[in-house]
Amino acid sequence: MAATQRSASATRARILAAAEEQFYAAGIRATSADRIIEQVGITKVTFYRHFRNKSDLVVAYLEHQASAERGWLEGLAGEADPFAAIAAGIGEASCRPGFRGCAFINAAAEFPDPEDPVRGVVAGHRGWMQGFFAELASRAGSADPEAAGRQLMMLRDGAMVNGYLGEAASIATTLTESFASVIER
């Protein structure tokens, strides 16, 4: 029984890894379940045993992305200057080959219905992130941490889009300076 559970867990992880690669590179709507099934080398029955439909896979993909991003951000919260560390991380990610911006902004663009479960995951993660930024702003002495959290979120979003559409090399410096100007207000 334990070996079967490990095997099922490994198969689910392989499906999610393929979805992550395909959804991010080509877009969610442009990636079919058949493409993922082929990449993983499984049958449709196996795929649908793990995910009832593609929407469930998209939700699982975004939840996995959210968990990874939360872990990364929480790991930087204890740095001497967490804002500089976050800016450096965004700058580094923006310079990687294949960078296509924020997975959550991309997903929101593909799923405009606010009632869609995909948008629910996007909204939940973005709400968490804005709260995280507000907490960091509070620790840094911001007079209005909630407003600072909203501003920091907008700066982060802009940096992610700029990294995809513009000059990624200067993002860390510009973002660090912008974060500091919000906190100093």
N, C-alpha and C. Protein backbone atom coordinates (compact mmCIF):
# COMPACT_ATOMS: atom_id res chain seq x y z
N MET A 1 0.83 -1.20 0.00
CA MET A 1 0.00 0.00 0.00
C MET A 1 0.86 1.26 0.00
N ALA A 2 1.91 1.29 0.84
CA ALA A 2 2.77 2.47 0.92
C ALA A 2 3.49 2.71 -0.41
N ALA A 3 3.93 1.64 -1.08
CA ALA A 3 4.61 1.79 -2.37
C ALA A 3 3.64 2.34 -3.41
N THR A 4 2.39 1.92 -3.37
CA THR A 4 1.38 2.42 -4.31
C THR A 4 1.14 3.91 -4.07
N GLN A 5 1.08 4.32 -2.80
CA GLN A 5 0.88 5.73 -2.48
C GLN A 5 2.06 6.57 -2.94
N ARG A 6 3.29 6.04 -2.74
CA ARG A 6 4.49 6.76 -3.20
C ARG A 6 4.47 6.89 -4.71
N SER A 7 4.08 5.82 -5.39
CA SER A 7 4.02 5.84 -6.85
C SER A 7 2.98 6.84 -7.34
N ALA A 8 1.81 6.85 -6.70
CA ALA A 8 0.76 7.80 -7.08
C ALA A 8 1.21 9.23 -6.80
N SER A 9 1.88 9.43 -5.68
CA SER A 9 2.38 10.75 -5.34
C SER A 9 3.44 11.20 -6.34
N ALA A 10 4.30 10.28 -6.75
CA ALA A 10 5.34 10.61 -7.73
C ALA A 10 4.71 10.94 -9.09
N THR A 11 3.68 10.21 -9.46
CA THR A 11 3.01 10.48 -10.73
C THR A 11 2.34 11.84 -10.69
N ARG A 12 1.67 12.15 -9.60
CA ARG A 12 1.04 13.46 -9.46
C ARG A 12 2.10 14.57 -9.55
N ALA A 13 3.23 14.37 -8.90
CA ALA A 13 4.30 15.36 -8.93
C ALA A 13 4.84 15.54 -10.35
N ARG A 14 4.95 14.46 -11.11
CA ARG A 14 5.42 14.55 -12.50
C ARG A 14 4.40 15.30 -13.37
N ILE A 15 3.12 15.07 -13.13
CA ILE A 15 2.08 15.79 -13.87
C ILE A 15 2.17 17.28 -13.55
N LEU A 16 2.29 17.61 -12.27
CA LEU A 16 2.41 19.02 -11.87
C LEU A 16 3.67 19.67 -12.44
N ALA A 17 4.77 18.94 -12.46
CA ALA A 17 6.01 19.50 -13.02
C ALA A 17 5.86 19.79 -14.51
N ALA A 18 5.22 18.87 -15.23
CA ALA A 18 4.98 19.09 -16.66
C ALA A 18 4.03 20.25 -16.87
N ALA A 19 2.98 20.33 -16.06
CA ALA A 19 2.02 21.44 -16.17
C ALA A 19 2.72 22.76 -15.89
N GLU A 20 3.55 22.79 -14.86
CA GLU A 20 4.27 24.02 -14.54
C GLU A 20 5.11 24.47 -15.72
N GLU A 21 5.83 23.56 -16.30
CA GLU A 21 6.68 23.89 -17.45
C GLU A 21 5.85 24.38 -18.63
N GLN A 22 4.82 23.63 -18.98
CA GLN A 22 4.01 23.96 -20.16
C GLN A 22 3.15 25.21 -19.94
N PHE A 23 2.48 25.31 -18.80
CA PHE A 23 1.61 26.46 -18.54
C PHE A 23 2.42 27.75 -18.54
N TYR A 24 3.59 27.71 -17.93
CA TYR A 24 4.39 28.93 -17.84
C TYR A 24 4.99 29.30 -19.20
N ALA A 25 5.44 28.32 -19.95
CA ALA A 25 6.10 28.60 -21.22
C ALA A 25 5.12 28.96 -22.34
N ALA A 26 4.01 28.25 -22.40
CA ALA A 26 3.10 28.43 -23.54
C ALA A 26 1.79 29.10 -23.18
N GLY A 27 1.47 29.17 -21.91
CA GLY A 27 0.18 29.69 -21.47
C GLY A 27 -0.73 28.54 -21.07
N ILE A 28 -1.64 28.83 -20.18
CA ILE A 28 -2.52 27.79 -19.64
C ILE A 28 -3.51 27.31 -20.70
N ARG A 29 -4.20 28.23 -21.31
CA ARG A 29 -5.21 27.85 -22.31
C ARG A 29 -4.59 27.20 -23.54
N ALA A 30 -3.37 27.58 -23.86
CA ALA A 30 -2.70 27.03 -25.05
C ALA A 30 -2.15 25.62 -24.81
N THR A 31 -2.12 25.20 -23.55
CA THR A 31 -1.58 23.88 -23.20
C THR A 31 -2.72 22.91 -22.96
N SER A 32 -2.77 21.87 -23.74
CA SER A 32 -3.83 20.87 -23.57
C SER A 32 -3.43 19.82 -22.55
N ALA A 33 -4.44 19.19 -21.99
CA ALA A 33 -4.17 18.06 -21.09
C ALA A 33 -3.44 16.96 -21.87
N ASP A 34 -3.79 16.79 -23.14
CA ASP A 34 -3.12 15.77 -23.96
C ASP A 34 -1.62 16.02 -24.07
N ARG A 35 -1.21 17.29 -24.18
CA ARG A 35 0.21 17.62 -24.27
C ARG A 35 0.91 17.22 -22.97
N ILE A 36 0.28 17.48 -21.84
CA ILE A 36 0.87 17.13 -20.55
C ILE A 36 0.92 15.61 -20.40
N ILE A 37 -0.16 14.94 -20.77
CA ILE A 37 -0.21 13.47 -20.71
C ILE A 37 0.93 12.87 -21.53
N GLU A 38 1.13 13.41 -22.73
CA GLU A 38 2.20 12.91 -23.60
C GLU A 38 3.57 13.17 -22.99
N GLN A 39 3.78 14.36 -22.46
CA GLN A 39 5.08 14.69 -21.88
C GLN A 39 5.41 13.79 -20.70
N VAL A 40 4.41 13.52 -19.86
CA VAL A 40 4.64 12.70 -18.67
C VAL A 40 4.75 11.22 -19.03
N GLY A 41 4.11 10.83 -20.14
CA GLY A 41 4.14 9.43 -20.56
C GLY A 41 3.17 8.57 -19.77
N ILE A 42 1.97 9.10 -19.56
CA ILE A 42 0.93 8.38 -18.84
C ILE A 42 -0.31 8.26 -19.72
N THR A 43 -1.28 7.52 -19.25
CA THR A 43 -2.54 7.40 -19.98
C THR A 43 -3.51 8.47 -19.50
N LYS A 44 -4.56 8.69 -20.29
CA LYS A 44 -5.59 9.65 -19.88
C LYS A 44 -6.25 9.19 -18.58
N VAL A 45 -6.43 7.90 -18.43
CA VAL A 45 -7.05 7.37 -17.21
C VAL A 45 -6.20 7.74 -16.00
N THR A 46 -4.89 7.59 -16.13
CA THR A 46 -4.00 7.95 -15.02
C THR A 46 -4.08 9.44 -14.73
N PHE A 47 -4.06 10.26 -15.78
CA PHE A 47 -4.17 11.71 -15.59
C PHE A 47 -5.45 12.05 -14.83
N TYR A 48 -6.58 11.53 -15.30
CA TYR A 48 -7.87 11.88 -14.70
C TYR A 48 -8.09 11.22 -13.34
N ARG A 49 -7.26 10.27 -13.00
CA ARG A 49 -7.30 9.70 -11.65
C ARG A 49 -6.73 10.73 -10.66
N HIS A 50 -5.81 11.54 -11.13
CA HIS A 50 -5.17 12.55 -10.27
C HIS A 50 -5.87 13.90 -10.33
N PHE A 51 -6.41 14.25 -11.48
CA PHE A 51 -7.07 15.54 -11.69
C PHE A 51 -8.35 15.30 -12.48
N ARG A 52 -9.48 15.68 -11.89
CA ARG A 52 -10.78 15.45 -12.56
C ARG A 52 -10.87 16.13 -13.91
N ASN A 53 -10.20 17.28 -14.01
CA ASN A 53 -10.24 18.05 -15.25
C ASN A 53 -9.05 19.01 -15.27
N LYS A 54 -8.90 19.70 -16.38
CA LYS A 54 -7.76 20.60 -16.51
C LYS A 54 -7.85 21.74 -15.50
N SER A 55 -9.04 22.20 -15.19
CA SER A 55 -9.20 23.28 -14.21
C SER A 55 -8.62 22.87 -12.85
N ASP A 56 -8.86 21.64 -12.44
CA ASP A 56 -8.28 21.16 -11.18
C ASP A 56 -6.75 21.16 -11.24
N LEU A 57 -6.20 20.82 -12.41
CA LEU A 57 -4.76 20.85 -12.57
C LEU A 57 -4.23 22.28 -12.49
N VAL A 58 -4.93 23.22 -13.11
CA VAL A 58 -4.51 24.62 -13.07
C VAL A 58 -4.51 25.13 -11.62
N VAL A 59 -5.55 24.81 -10.88
CA VAL A 59 -5.63 25.20 -9.47
C VAL A 59 -4.46 24.60 -8.69
N ALA A 60 -4.19 23.31 -8.90
CA ALA A 60 -3.09 22.66 -8.20
C ALA A 60 -1.75 23.30 -8.58
N TYR A 61 -1.59 23.62 -9.84
CA TYR A 61 -0.36 24.30 -10.32
C TYR A 61 -0.18 25.63 -9.60
N LEU A 62 -1.23 26.43 -9.54
CA LEU A 62 -1.13 27.74 -8.89
C LEU A 62 -0.92 27.62 -7.38
N GLU A 63 -1.58 26.64 -6.77
CA GLU A 63 -1.37 26.41 -5.34
C GLU A 63 0.09 26.03 -5.07
N HIS A 64 0.66 25.23 -5.95
CA HIS A 64 2.07 24.84 -5.82
C HIS A 64 2.97 26.07 -5.99
N GLN A 65 2.67 26.91 -6.97
CA GLN A 65 3.43 28.13 -7.19
C GLN A 65 3.31 29.05 -5.96
N ALA A 66 2.10 29.17 -5.43
CA ALA A 66 1.88 30.02 -4.26
C ALA A 66 2.68 29.52 -3.06
N SER A 67 2.67 28.23 -2.85
CA SER A 67 3.42 27.66 -1.74
C SER A 67 4.91 27.93 -1.88
N ALA A 68 5.44 27.77 -3.08
CA ALA A 68 6.86 28.02 -3.31
C ALA A 68 7.19 29.50 -3.10
N GLU A 69 6.34 30.38 -3.60
CA GLU A 69 6.62 31.82 -3.45
C GLU A 69 6.50 32.25 -1.99
N ARG A 70 5.51 31.71 -1.27
CA ARG A 70 5.39 32.04 0.16
C ARG A 70 6.64 31.59 0.92
N GLY A 71 7.09 30.38 0.62
CA GLY A 71 8.30 29.87 1.28
C GLY A 71 9.50 30.75 1.00
N TRP A 72 9.63 31.17 -0.25
CA TRP A 72 10.75 32.03 -0.63
C TRP A 72 10.67 33.36 0.12
N LEU A 73 9.51 34.00 0.09
CA LEU A 73 9.36 35.29 0.76
C LEU A 73 9.55 35.19 2.26
N GLU A 74 8.96 34.17 2.88
CA GLU A 74 9.11 34.00 4.32
C GLU A 74 10.57 33.75 4.69
N GLY A 75 11.30 33.08 3.82
CA GLY A 75 12.72 32.85 4.05
C GLY A 75 13.54 34.13 4.01
N LEU A 76 13.05 35.13 3.29
CA LEU A 76 13.77 36.41 3.20
C LEU A 76 13.35 37.40 4.28
N ALA A 77 12.26 37.13 4.97
CA ALA A 77 11.74 38.07 5.97
C ALA A 77 12.73 38.34 7.09
N GLY A 78 13.60 37.40 7.40
CA GLY A 78 14.57 37.57 8.47
C GLY A 78 15.87 38.21 8.04
N GLU A 79 16.01 38.51 6.76
CA GLU A 79 17.24 39.16 6.27
C GLU A 79 17.37 40.55 6.89
N ALA A 80 18.59 41.06 6.92
CA ALA A 80 18.83 42.41 7.47
C ALA A 80 18.01 43.44 6.70
N ASP A 81 17.93 43.31 5.40
CA ASP A 81 17.11 44.18 4.56
C ASP A 81 16.26 43.29 3.65
N PRO A 82 15.10 42.86 4.16
CA PRO A 82 14.29 41.94 3.36
C PRO A 82 13.84 42.53 2.03
N PHE A 83 13.64 43.84 1.99
CA PHE A 83 13.20 44.46 0.74
C PHE A 83 14.28 44.36 -0.33
N ALA A 84 15.53 44.56 0.05
CA ALA A 84 16.64 44.43 -0.91
C ALA A 84 16.77 42.97 -1.36
N ALA A 85 16.57 42.04 -0.43
CA ALA A 85 16.66 40.62 -0.78
C ALA A 85 15.54 40.22 -1.75
N ILE A 86 14.34 40.73 -1.51
CA ILE A 86 13.21 40.44 -2.40
C ILE A 86 13.48 41.05 -3.78
N ALA A 87 13.93 42.30 -3.79
CA ALA A 87 14.23 42.97 -5.06
C ALA A 87 15.32 42.22 -5.82
N ALA A 88 16.35 41.76 -5.12
CA ALA A 88 17.42 41.01 -5.78
C ALA A 88 16.88 39.71 -6.37
N GLY A 89 16.00 39.04 -5.63
CA GLY A 89 15.41 37.79 -6.12
C GLY A 89 14.55 38.01 -7.36
N ILE A 90 13.76 39.08 -7.35
CA ILE A 90 12.93 39.39 -8.52
C ILE A 90 13.83 39.76 -9.70
N GLY A 91 14.87 40.54 -9.44
CA GLY A 91 15.80 40.90 -10.50
C GLY A 91 16.49 39.69 -11.10
N GLU A 92 16.90 38.77 -10.23
CA GLU A 92 17.56 37.54 -10.69
C GLU A 92 16.60 36.69 -11.53
N ALA A 93 15.38 36.53 -11.05
CA ALA A 93 14.39 35.73 -11.79
C ALA A 93 14.10 36.35 -13.14
N SER A 94 14.03 37.67 -13.19
CA SER A 94 13.71 38.38 -14.42
C SER A 94 14.77 38.21 -15.50
N CYS A 95 15.98 37.90 -15.09
CA CYS A 95 17.08 37.75 -16.04
C CYS A 95 17.25 36.32 -16.52
N ARG A 96 16.49 35.41 -15.97
CA ARG A 96 16.62 34.00 -16.39
C ARG A 96 16.02 33.79 -17.77
N PRO A 97 16.65 32.93 -18.56
CA PRO A 97 16.04 32.59 -19.85
C PRO A 97 14.66 31.97 -19.63
N GLY A 98 13.72 32.33 -20.45
CA GLY A 98 12.38 31.77 -20.35
C GLY A 98 11.47 32.50 -19.38
N PHE A 99 11.97 33.56 -18.73
CA PHE A 99 11.13 34.31 -17.80
C PHE A 99 9.95 34.93 -18.56
N ARG A 100 8.73 34.68 -18.06
CA ARG A 100 7.53 35.20 -18.71
C ARG A 100 6.66 35.98 -17.73
N GLY A 101 7.26 36.56 -16.70
CA GLY A 101 6.49 37.35 -15.76
C GLY A 101 5.91 36.50 -14.64
N CYS A 102 4.96 37.08 -13.94
CA CYS A 102 4.33 36.45 -12.78
C CYS A 102 3.30 35.42 -13.22
N ALA A 103 3.42 34.21 -12.72
CA ALA A 103 2.47 33.15 -13.07
C ALA A 103 1.04 33.53 -12.67
N PHE A 104 0.88 34.31 -11.61
CA PHE A 104 -0.45 34.68 -11.13
C PHE A 104 -1.07 35.77 -11.99
N ILE A 105 -0.28 36.74 -12.39
CA ILE A 105 -0.77 37.78 -13.30
C ILE A 105 -1.12 37.13 -14.64
N ASN A 106 -0.27 36.22 -15.11
CA ASN A 106 -0.55 35.52 -16.37
C ASN A 106 -1.85 34.73 -16.28
N ALA A 107 -2.05 34.02 -15.18
CA ALA A 107 -3.27 33.21 -15.02
C ALA A 107 -4.50 34.10 -14.95
N ALA A 108 -4.39 35.21 -14.23
CA ALA A 108 -5.53 36.13 -14.12
C ALA A 108 -5.92 36.67 -15.50
N ALA A 109 -4.94 36.93 -16.34
CA ALA A 109 -5.22 37.42 -17.69
C ALA A 109 -5.95 36.37 -18.53
N GLU A 110 -5.67 35.10 -18.27
CA GLU A 110 -6.31 34.02 -19.04
C GLU A 110 -7.66 33.60 -18.48
N PHE A 111 -7.94 33.95 -17.24
CA PHE A 111 -9.20 33.56 -16.59
C PHE A 111 -9.87 34.81 -16.04
N PRO A 112 -10.60 35.54 -16.88
CA PRO A 112 -11.17 36.82 -16.47
C PRO A 112 -12.35 36.73 -15.50
N ASP A 113 -13.01 35.58 -15.42
CA ASP A 113 -14.18 35.45 -14.56
C ASP A 113 -13.75 35.43 -13.09
N PRO A 114 -14.14 36.43 -12.30
CA PRO A 114 -13.71 36.48 -10.90
C PRO A 114 -14.24 35.31 -10.06
N GLU A 115 -15.25 34.60 -10.56
CA GLU A 115 -15.81 33.46 -9.83
C GLU A 115 -15.10 32.15 -10.16
N ASP A 116 -14.23 32.16 -11.14
CA ASP A 116 -13.50 30.95 -11.53
C ASP A 116 -12.59 30.53 -10.38
N PRO A 117 -12.48 29.24 -10.09
CA PRO A 117 -11.59 28.78 -9.02
C PRO A 117 -10.13 29.20 -9.22
N VAL A 118 -9.72 29.34 -10.47
CA VAL A 118 -8.36 29.81 -10.76
C VAL A 118 -8.17 31.22 -10.19
N ARG A 119 -9.15 32.09 -10.44
CA ARG A 119 -9.06 33.45 -9.91
C ARG A 119 -9.09 33.45 -8.40
N GLY A 120 -9.78 32.50 -7.80
CA GLY A 120 -9.80 32.39 -6.34
C GLY A 120 -8.40 32.14 -5.78
N VAL A 121 -7.65 31.24 -6.42
CA VAL A 121 -6.28 30.97 -5.98
C VAL A 121 -5.41 32.21 -6.19
N VAL A 122 -5.58 32.86 -7.33
CA VAL A 122 -4.81 34.07 -7.62
C VAL A 122 -5.09 35.13 -6.55
N ALA A 123 -6.37 35.38 -6.28
CA ALA A 123 -6.75 36.40 -5.29
C ALA A 123 -6.24 36.04 -3.90
N GLY A 124 -6.34 34.78 -3.54
CA GLY A 124 -5.87 34.35 -2.22
C GLY A 124 -4.38 34.57 -2.05
N HIS A 125 -3.62 34.20 -3.05
CA HIS A 125 -2.17 34.37 -2.95
C HIS A 125 -1.78 35.84 -2.96
N ARG A 126 -2.40 36.61 -3.81
CA ARG A 126 -2.08 38.03 -3.87
C ARG A 126 -2.48 38.74 -2.58
N GLY A 127 -3.58 38.32 -1.98
CA GLY A 127 -3.97 38.88 -0.69
C GLY A 127 -2.95 38.54 0.39
N TRP A 128 -2.49 37.30 0.38
CA TRP A 128 -1.45 36.91 1.34
C TRP A 128 -0.20 37.76 1.13
N MET A 129 0.21 37.91 -0.12
CA MET A 129 1.44 38.65 -0.41
C MET A 129 1.31 40.11 0.01
N GLN A 130 0.19 40.72 -0.24
CA GLN A 130 0.00 42.11 0.16
C GLN A 130 0.06 42.23 1.68
N GLY A 131 -0.53 41.28 2.38
CA GLY A 131 -0.44 41.26 3.85
C GLY A 131 0.99 41.06 4.33
N PHE A 132 1.72 40.22 3.63
CA PHE A 132 3.13 40.00 3.95
C PHE A 132 3.91 41.29 3.80
N PHE A 133 3.69 42.00 2.70
CA PHE A 133 4.37 43.28 2.48
C PHE A 133 3.97 44.29 3.56
N ALA A 134 2.72 44.31 3.95
CA ALA A 134 2.27 45.23 5.00
C ALA A 134 2.97 44.91 6.33
N GLU A 135 3.12 43.64 6.62
CA GLU A 135 3.82 43.22 7.85
C GLU A 135 5.27 43.67 7.82
N LEU A 136 5.94 43.46 6.68
CA LEU A 136 7.33 43.92 6.56
C LEU A 136 7.41 45.43 6.70
N ALA A 137 6.47 46.14 6.10
CA ALA A 137 6.45 47.61 6.20
C ALA A 137 6.26 48.05 7.64
N SER A 138 5.39 47.35 8.36
CA SER A 138 5.17 47.66 9.77
C SER A 138 6.45 47.47 10.57
N ARG A 139 7.13 46.35 10.35
CA ARG A 139 8.39 46.09 11.06
C ARG A 139 9.46 47.13 10.73
N ALA A 140 9.37 47.69 9.51
CA ALA A 140 10.35 48.70 9.09
C ALA A 140 9.98 50.09 9.57
N GLY A 141 8.83 50.21 10.27
CA GLY A 141 8.45 51.50 10.84
C GLY A 141 7.55 52.36 9.95
N SER A 142 6.92 51.78 8.97
CA SER A 142 6.02 52.54 8.09
C SER A 142 4.87 53.13 8.92
N ALA A 143 4.52 54.37 8.62
CA ALA A 143 3.42 55.04 9.32
C ALA A 143 2.07 54.43 8.93
N ASP A 144 1.95 53.92 7.73
CA ASP A 144 0.70 53.31 7.25
C ASP A 144 1.04 52.00 6.55
N PRO A 145 1.23 50.93 7.32
CA PRO A 145 1.66 49.66 6.73
C PRO A 145 0.70 49.10 5.67
N GLU A 146 -0.59 49.29 5.86
CA GLU A 146 -1.55 48.76 4.87
C GLU A 146 -1.38 49.46 3.52
N ALA A 147 -1.27 50.79 3.54
CA ALA A 147 -1.04 51.53 2.30
C ALA A 147 0.31 51.15 1.70
N ALA A 148 1.31 51.01 2.55
CA ALA A 148 2.63 50.61 2.06
C ALA A 148 2.56 49.22 1.43
N GLY A 149 1.82 48.31 2.05
CA GLY A 149 1.66 46.96 1.50
C GLY A 149 1.07 46.99 0.10
N ARG A 150 0.05 47.83 -0.10
CA ARG A 150 -0.56 47.96 -1.44
C ARG A 150 0.44 48.53 -2.43
N GLN A 151 1.19 49.54 -2.00
CA GLN A 151 2.18 50.16 -2.90
C GLN A 151 3.31 49.19 -3.23
N LEU A 152 3.77 48.45 -2.24
CA LEU A 152 4.84 47.48 -2.47
C LEU A 152 4.38 46.38 -3.42
N MET A 153 3.11 46.00 -3.30
CA MET A 153 2.56 44.99 -4.20
C MET A 153 2.54 45.51 -5.63
N MET A 154 2.15 46.76 -5.80
CA MET A 154 2.13 47.34 -7.14
C MET A 154 3.55 47.43 -7.71
N LEU A 155 4.51 47.78 -6.89
CA LEU A 155 5.89 47.84 -7.35
C LEU A 155 6.38 46.46 -7.76
N ARG A 156 6.05 45.47 -6.97
CA ARG A 156 6.44 44.08 -7.29
C ARG A 156 5.81 43.67 -8.62
N ASP A 157 4.52 43.96 -8.79
CA ASP A 157 3.85 43.60 -10.04
C ASP A 157 4.49 44.30 -11.23
N GLY A 158 4.78 45.58 -11.07
CA GLY A 158 5.42 46.33 -12.14
C GLY A 158 6.79 45.78 -12.48
N ALA A 159 7.53 45.38 -11.46
CA ALA A 159 8.87 44.81 -11.69
C ALA A 159 8.76 43.50 -12.46
N MET A 160 7.77 42.68 -12.11
CA MET A 160 7.58 41.40 -12.80
C MET A 160 7.23 41.62 -14.27
N VAL A 161 6.35 42.56 -14.55
CA VAL A 161 5.98 42.84 -15.93
C VAL A 161 7.16 43.47 -16.67
N ASN A 162 7.85 44.39 -16.01
CA ASN A 162 9.00 45.03 -16.64
C ASN A 162 10.09 44.02 -16.97
N GLY A 163 10.27 43.06 -16.09
CA GLY A 163 11.28 42.03 -16.33
C GLY A 163 10.97 41.20 -17.56
N TYR A 164 9.70 41.06 -17.84
CA TYR A 164 9.28 40.28 -19.00
C TYR A 164 9.31 41.13 -20.26
N LEU A 165 8.88 42.37 -20.15
CA LEU A 165 8.73 43.22 -21.33
C LEU A 165 9.88 44.19 -21.54
N GLY A 166 10.65 44.45 -20.50
CA GLY A 166 11.65 45.50 -20.61
C GLY A 166 13.04 45.03 -20.30
N GLU A 167 13.80 45.92 -19.73
CA GLU A 167 15.19 45.68 -19.37
C GLU A 167 15.26 45.07 -17.98
N ALA A 168 15.56 43.80 -17.92
CA ALA A 168 15.55 43.09 -16.65
C ALA A 168 16.77 43.40 -15.78
N ALA A 169 17.87 43.77 -16.38
CA ALA A 169 19.13 43.90 -15.63
C ALA A 169 19.07 44.94 -14.52
N SER A 170 18.30 45.99 -14.67
CA SER A 170 18.27 47.05 -13.65
C SER A 170 17.12 46.91 -12.66
N ILE A 171 16.37 45.84 -12.73
CA ILE A 171 15.19 45.70 -11.88
C ILE A 171 15.54 45.70 -10.40
N ALA A 172 16.53 44.94 -9.98
CA ALA A 172 16.85 44.85 -8.55
C ALA A 172 17.18 46.21 -7.96
N THR A 173 17.99 46.98 -8.65
CA THR A 173 18.38 48.30 -8.15
C THR A 173 17.17 49.23 -8.08
N THR A 174 16.43 49.31 -9.15
CA THR A 174 15.27 50.19 -9.21
C THR A 174 14.22 49.78 -8.18
N LEU A 175 13.99 48.47 -8.05
CA LEU A 175 12.99 47.99 -7.10
C LEU A 175 13.42 48.25 -5.66
N THR A 176 14.68 48.05 -5.35
CA THR A 176 15.18 48.34 -4.00
C THR A 176 14.97 49.81 -3.66
N GLU A 177 15.31 50.69 -4.58
CA GLU A 177 15.12 52.13 -4.36
C GLU A 177 13.64 52.47 -4.20
N SER A 178 12.79 51.86 -5.01
CA SER A 178 11.35 52.13 -4.94
C SER A 178 10.76 51.61 -3.63
N PHE A 179 11.15 50.39 -3.23
CA PHE A 179 10.68 49.86 -1.95
C PHE A 179 11.06 50.82 -0.82
N ALA A 180 12.31 51.28 -0.83
CA ALA A 180 12.80 52.18 0.24
C ALA A 180 12.00 53.48 0.27
N SER A 181 11.65 54.01 -0.89
CA SER A 181 10.90 55.27 -0.91
C SER A 181 9.49 55.09 -0.34
N VAL A 182 8.91 53.92 -0.53
CA VAL A 182 7.58 53.67 0.05
C VAL A 182 7.68 53.57 1.57
N ILE A 183 8.66 52.88 2.06
CA ILE A 183 8.82 52.67 3.51
C ILE A 183 9.18 53.97 4.22
N GLU A 184 9.96 54.82 3.57
CA GLU A 184 10.40 56.06 4.20
C GLU A 184 9.30 57.11 4.31
N ARG A 185 8.21 56.94 3.64
CA ARG A 185 7.12 57.94 3.70
C ARG A 185 6.49 58.00 5.05
